[in-house]
Protein backbone atom coordinates (compact mmCIF):
# COMPACT_ATOMS: atom_id res chain seq x y z
CA MET A 1 -5.01 12.94 -15.46
CA ALA A 2 -2.93 9.85 -14.80
CA GLU A 3 -0.15 8.83 -17.16
CA ILE A 4 -1.10 5.13 -17.27
CA VAL A 5 -3.89 4.08 -19.64
CA LEU A 6 -5.48 0.64 -19.26
CA ASN A 7 -7.16 -0.57 -22.44
CA VAL A 8 -9.84 -3.04 -21.38
CA GLU A 9 -12.56 -5.14 -22.92
CA VAL A 10 -15.90 -6.07 -21.37
CA ARG A 11 -16.22 -9.81 -20.78
CA GLU A 12 -19.54 -11.28 -21.86
CA ARG A 13 -19.15 -14.36 -19.67
CA THR A 14 -18.22 -14.63 -16.01
CA GLY A 15 -17.18 -17.47 -13.74
CA THR A 16 -14.15 -19.73 -13.44
CA GLY A 17 -14.46 -21.16 -16.95
CA ALA A 18 -14.66 -17.72 -18.54
CA ALA A 19 -11.66 -16.51 -16.51
CA ARG A 20 -9.59 -19.51 -17.65
CA ALA A 21 -10.60 -18.88 -21.26
CA ALA A 22 -9.46 -15.26 -20.95
CA ARG A 23 -6.08 -16.35 -19.56
CA ARG A 24 -5.63 -18.86 -22.40
CA ALA A 25 -6.10 -15.92 -24.78
CA ASP A 26 -3.31 -14.01 -22.96
CA GLN A 27 -5.89 -11.81 -21.25
CA THR A 28 -6.15 -11.12 -17.52
CA PRO A 29 -9.71 -11.05 -16.16
CA GLY A 30 -10.77 -8.28 -13.84
CA VAL A 31 -13.72 -6.41 -12.36
CA LEU A 32 -14.63 -2.72 -12.50
CA TYR A 33 -16.73 -1.62 -9.55
CA GLY A 34 -17.57 1.35 -7.35
CA GLY A 35 -19.64 4.47 -7.81
CA ASP A 36 -23.37 4.29 -8.44
CA ARG A 37 -23.10 1.56 -11.08
CA GLY A 38 -22.82 -2.18 -10.69
CA PRO A 39 -19.70 -4.28 -11.18
CA VAL A 40 -18.60 -4.94 -14.77
CA PRO A 41 -16.45 -7.94 -15.74
CA ILE A 42 -13.51 -6.78 -17.85
CA SER A 43 -10.19 -8.06 -19.16
CA MET A 44 -6.99 -6.64 -20.63
CA GLU A 45 -3.89 -7.99 -22.32
CA THR A 46 -1.68 -9.65 -19.73
CA LYS A 47 1.44 -8.21 -21.35
CA ALA A 48 0.03 -4.67 -21.09
CA LEU A 49 -1.02 -5.22 -17.47
CA ARG A 50 2.44 -6.47 -16.53
CA LYS A 51 4.03 -3.46 -18.24
CA ALA A 52 1.80 -1.13 -16.20
CA LEU A 53 2.67 -3.01 -13.00
CA TYR A 54 6.40 -2.71 -13.66
CA THR A 55 6.14 1.08 -13.63
CA GLY A 56 5.29 0.98 -9.94
CA LYS A 57 2.59 3.58 -10.66
CA LEU A 58 -0.42 1.30 -10.99
CA LEU A 59 -1.56 -0.08 -7.65
CA GLY A 60 -3.08 2.57 -5.43
CA HIS A 61 -2.79 5.29 -8.06
CA LEU A 62 -5.25 7.18 -10.20
CA VAL A 63 -5.06 5.81 -13.76
CA THR A 64 -7.17 6.04 -16.89
CA LEU A 65 -9.41 3.20 -18.02
CA LYS A 66 -10.13 3.16 -21.74
CA TYR A 67 -12.89 1.13 -23.38
CA GLY A 68 -13.35 1.93 -27.05
CA ASN A 69 -13.65 5.70 -27.25
CA GLU A 70 -14.69 6.05 -23.60
CA THR A 71 -12.30 6.92 -20.80
CA GLN A 72 -12.73 7.33 -17.06
CA PRO A 73 -10.50 7.69 -14.00
CA VAL A 74 -10.09 4.57 -11.88
CA ILE A 75 -7.88 3.29 -9.09
CA ALA A 76 -6.24 -0.11 -9.32
CA LYS A 77 -7.19 -1.60 -5.95
CA ALA A 78 -5.71 -5.10 -6.16
CA VAL A 79 -3.95 -7.59 -8.42
CA ASP A 80 -3.75 -11.32 -7.68
CA PHE A 81 -0.67 -13.21 -8.88
CA HIS A 82 0.15 -16.85 -9.52
CA PRO A 83 2.13 -18.03 -6.47
CA VAL A 84 4.89 -19.62 -8.57
CA THR A 85 5.11 -17.72 -11.86
CA ASP A 86 4.02 -14.27 -10.61
CA VAL A 87 1.77 -13.96 -13.66
CA PRO A 88 -1.21 -11.68 -12.88
CA LEU A 89 -4.39 -13.74 -12.53
CA HIS A 90 -7.02 -11.11 -11.70
CA PHE A 91 -7.32 -7.39 -11.06
CA ASP A 92 -9.82 -5.00 -9.49
CA LEU A 93 -10.44 -1.43 -10.63
CA TYR A 94 -12.46 1.10 -8.66
CA ARG A 95 -14.42 3.93 -10.30
CA VAL A 96 -13.73 7.42 -8.94
CA GLU A 97 -14.06 11.05 -9.85
CA GLU A 98 -10.71 12.77 -10.31
CA HIS A 99 -11.02 15.00 -7.21
CA GLN A 100 -13.22 12.67 -5.18
CA THR A 101 -12.13 11.98 -1.60
CA ILE A 102 -11.33 8.31 -1.23
CA LYS A 103 -10.00 5.94 1.42
CA ILE A 104 -6.88 3.99 0.54
CA SER A 105 -3.96 2.30 2.30
CA VAL A 106 -0.52 3.81 1.73
CA PRO A 107 2.79 2.11 2.63
CA VAL A 108 4.91 3.43 5.49
CA HIS A 109 8.66 3.71 4.88
CA PHE A 110 11.39 4.53 7.38
CA GLN A 111 14.46 6.65 6.77
CA ASN A 112 17.63 7.73 8.62
CA GLN A 113 18.00 4.58 10.70
CA GLU A 114 21.72 5.36 10.91
CA ALA A 115 20.80 8.61 12.70
CA SER A 116 18.89 6.82 15.49
CA PRO A 117 21.08 6.52 18.62
CA GLY A 118 18.87 3.72 19.91
CA ILE A 119 19.26 1.60 16.78
CA LYS A 120 23.01 2.32 16.65
CA ARG A 121 23.30 0.95 20.21
CA GLY A 122 21.67 -2.33 19.17
CA GLY A 123 18.01 -1.38 19.41
CA VAL A 124 15.46 -2.90 17.05
CA LEU A 125 12.85 -1.07 14.98
CA ASN A 126 9.54 -2.79 15.74
CA VAL A 127 7.10 -1.86 12.96
CA VAL A 128 3.48 -1.98 14.13
CA ARG A 129 1.91 -0.68 10.89
CA HIS A 130 3.46 -1.27 7.47
CA ASP A 131 0.66 0.78 5.87
CA VAL A 132 -1.90 3.33 7.01
CA GLU A 133 -5.39 3.92 5.64
CA ILE A 134 -5.85 7.56 4.70
CA ALA A 135 -8.53 9.80 3.22
CA CYS A 136 -7.43 12.10 0.39
CA PRO A 137 -8.42 13.37 -3.07
CA ALA A 138 -8.10 10.63 -5.69
CA ASP A 139 -5.62 12.69 -7.70
CA GLN A 140 -3.39 13.43 -4.69
CA ILE A 141 -2.62 9.97 -3.29
CA PRO A 142 0.85 10.07 -1.71
CA GLU A 143 3.39 7.47 -2.83
CA GLU A 144 4.29 6.71 0.78
CA LEU A 145 4.29 8.00 4.33
CA LEU A 146 7.84 8.70 5.53
CA VAL A 147 8.98 8.25 9.12
CA ASP A 148 12.20 10.02 10.11
CA LEU A 149 14.04 7.97 12.74
CA THR A 150 16.62 10.68 13.48
CA GLY A 151 17.30 11.00 17.19
CA LEU A 152 15.11 8.11 18.35
CA GLU A 153 16.29 6.27 21.44
CA ILE A 154 15.39 2.82 22.77
CA GLY A 155 11.91 3.07 24.23
CA ASP A 156 10.77 5.83 21.86
CA THR A 157 7.46 5.46 20.02
CA VAL A 158 6.46 6.81 16.60
CA ARG A 159 2.78 7.74 16.38
CA ILE A 160 0.71 8.98 13.47
CA SER A 161 0.98 12.51 14.85
CA ASN A 162 4.75 12.32 14.31
CA ILE A 163 4.33 11.94 10.55
CA ALA A 164 4.07 15.06 8.41
CA LEU A 165 1.06 14.26 6.23
CA PRO A 166 0.67 16.05 2.88
CA LYS A 167 -1.98 18.75 2.60
CA GLY A 168 -5.45 17.28 2.23
CA VAL A 169 -4.42 13.89 3.63
CA THR A 170 -5.87 12.63 6.92
CA PRO A 171 -5.80 9.22 8.62
CA THR A 172 -9.15 7.44 8.67
CA VAL A 173 -8.60 6.50 12.32
CA THR A 174 -9.24 9.75 14.17
CA ASP A 175 -10.18 8.68 17.69
CA ARG A 176 -6.61 7.95 18.84
CA ASP A 177 -2.99 8.78 18.13
CA PHE A 178 -2.11 5.26 17.02
CA VAL A 179 1.36 3.71 17.05
CA ILE A 180 3.33 3.25 13.83
CA ALA A 181 6.56 1.79 15.26
CA THR A 182 8.71 1.58 18.37
CA VAL A 183 12.44 1.27 19.02
CA THR A 184 12.98 -1.63 21.40
CA GLY A 185 16.06 -3.18 22.96
CA SER A 186 17.43 -6.36 21.41
CA ALA A 187 16.98 -9.69 23.20
CA SER A 188 20.69 -9.84 24.06
CA GLN A 189 20.62 -6.30 25.37
CA ALA A 190 17.59 -7.03 27.51
CA ALA A 191 19.39 -10.09 28.95
CA GLU A 192 22.47 -7.99 29.73
CA GLU A 193 20.37 -5.34 31.47
CA ALA A 194 18.57 -8.02 33.50
CA ALA A 195 21.91 -9.53 34.52
CA GLU A 196 23.24 -6.12 35.51
CA GLY A 197 20.13 -5.56 37.58
CA GLU A 198 20.59 -8.86 39.41
CA GLU A 199 24.25 -8.09 40.11
CA ALA A 200 23.34 -4.70 41.50
CA ALA A 201 20.70 -6.27 43.73
CA GLU A 202 23.16 -8.85 45.04
CA GLY A 203 25.76 -6.15 45.66
């Protein structure tokens, strides 16, 4: 089971006024939804929520919700923040079974840029997808999808088939080998190549 435990309370009132009242009491309002039960308005201490967020293991991970003596596995789907203070304003939790197959977006990260001849020659990494929606067991959500840029030249394309997905993980888009990123020439390089082409034509 997950290492993060979220102690929540059920909110008796809903709406904007109730949410503001919760925040004044140093609580962050949220909603628990999913499964075969309806949504439940909840809240938890803002300080505890921020502590869980700082671990980097909350969003998109299987965690434990605790209400009184009851516990259940959930996934933190989203947290809204104040645009200036970054204080959490609202959060959404999704009910799951521990081994249930779920759909969730996972970030894509790139490594070994220094080993890409195309980038070393002035090429630019053009990222098409910063995250990819996958299907996987709720207790086996990968932290990230890694793209190795070793050996990539200008004009090369990285597709989902080029990523080594963990066992049990599949992309939700299955009808095409979609693009993750490309290595393109820089604007200055493209201008130089165009100029060279014109000179060759004149010659």
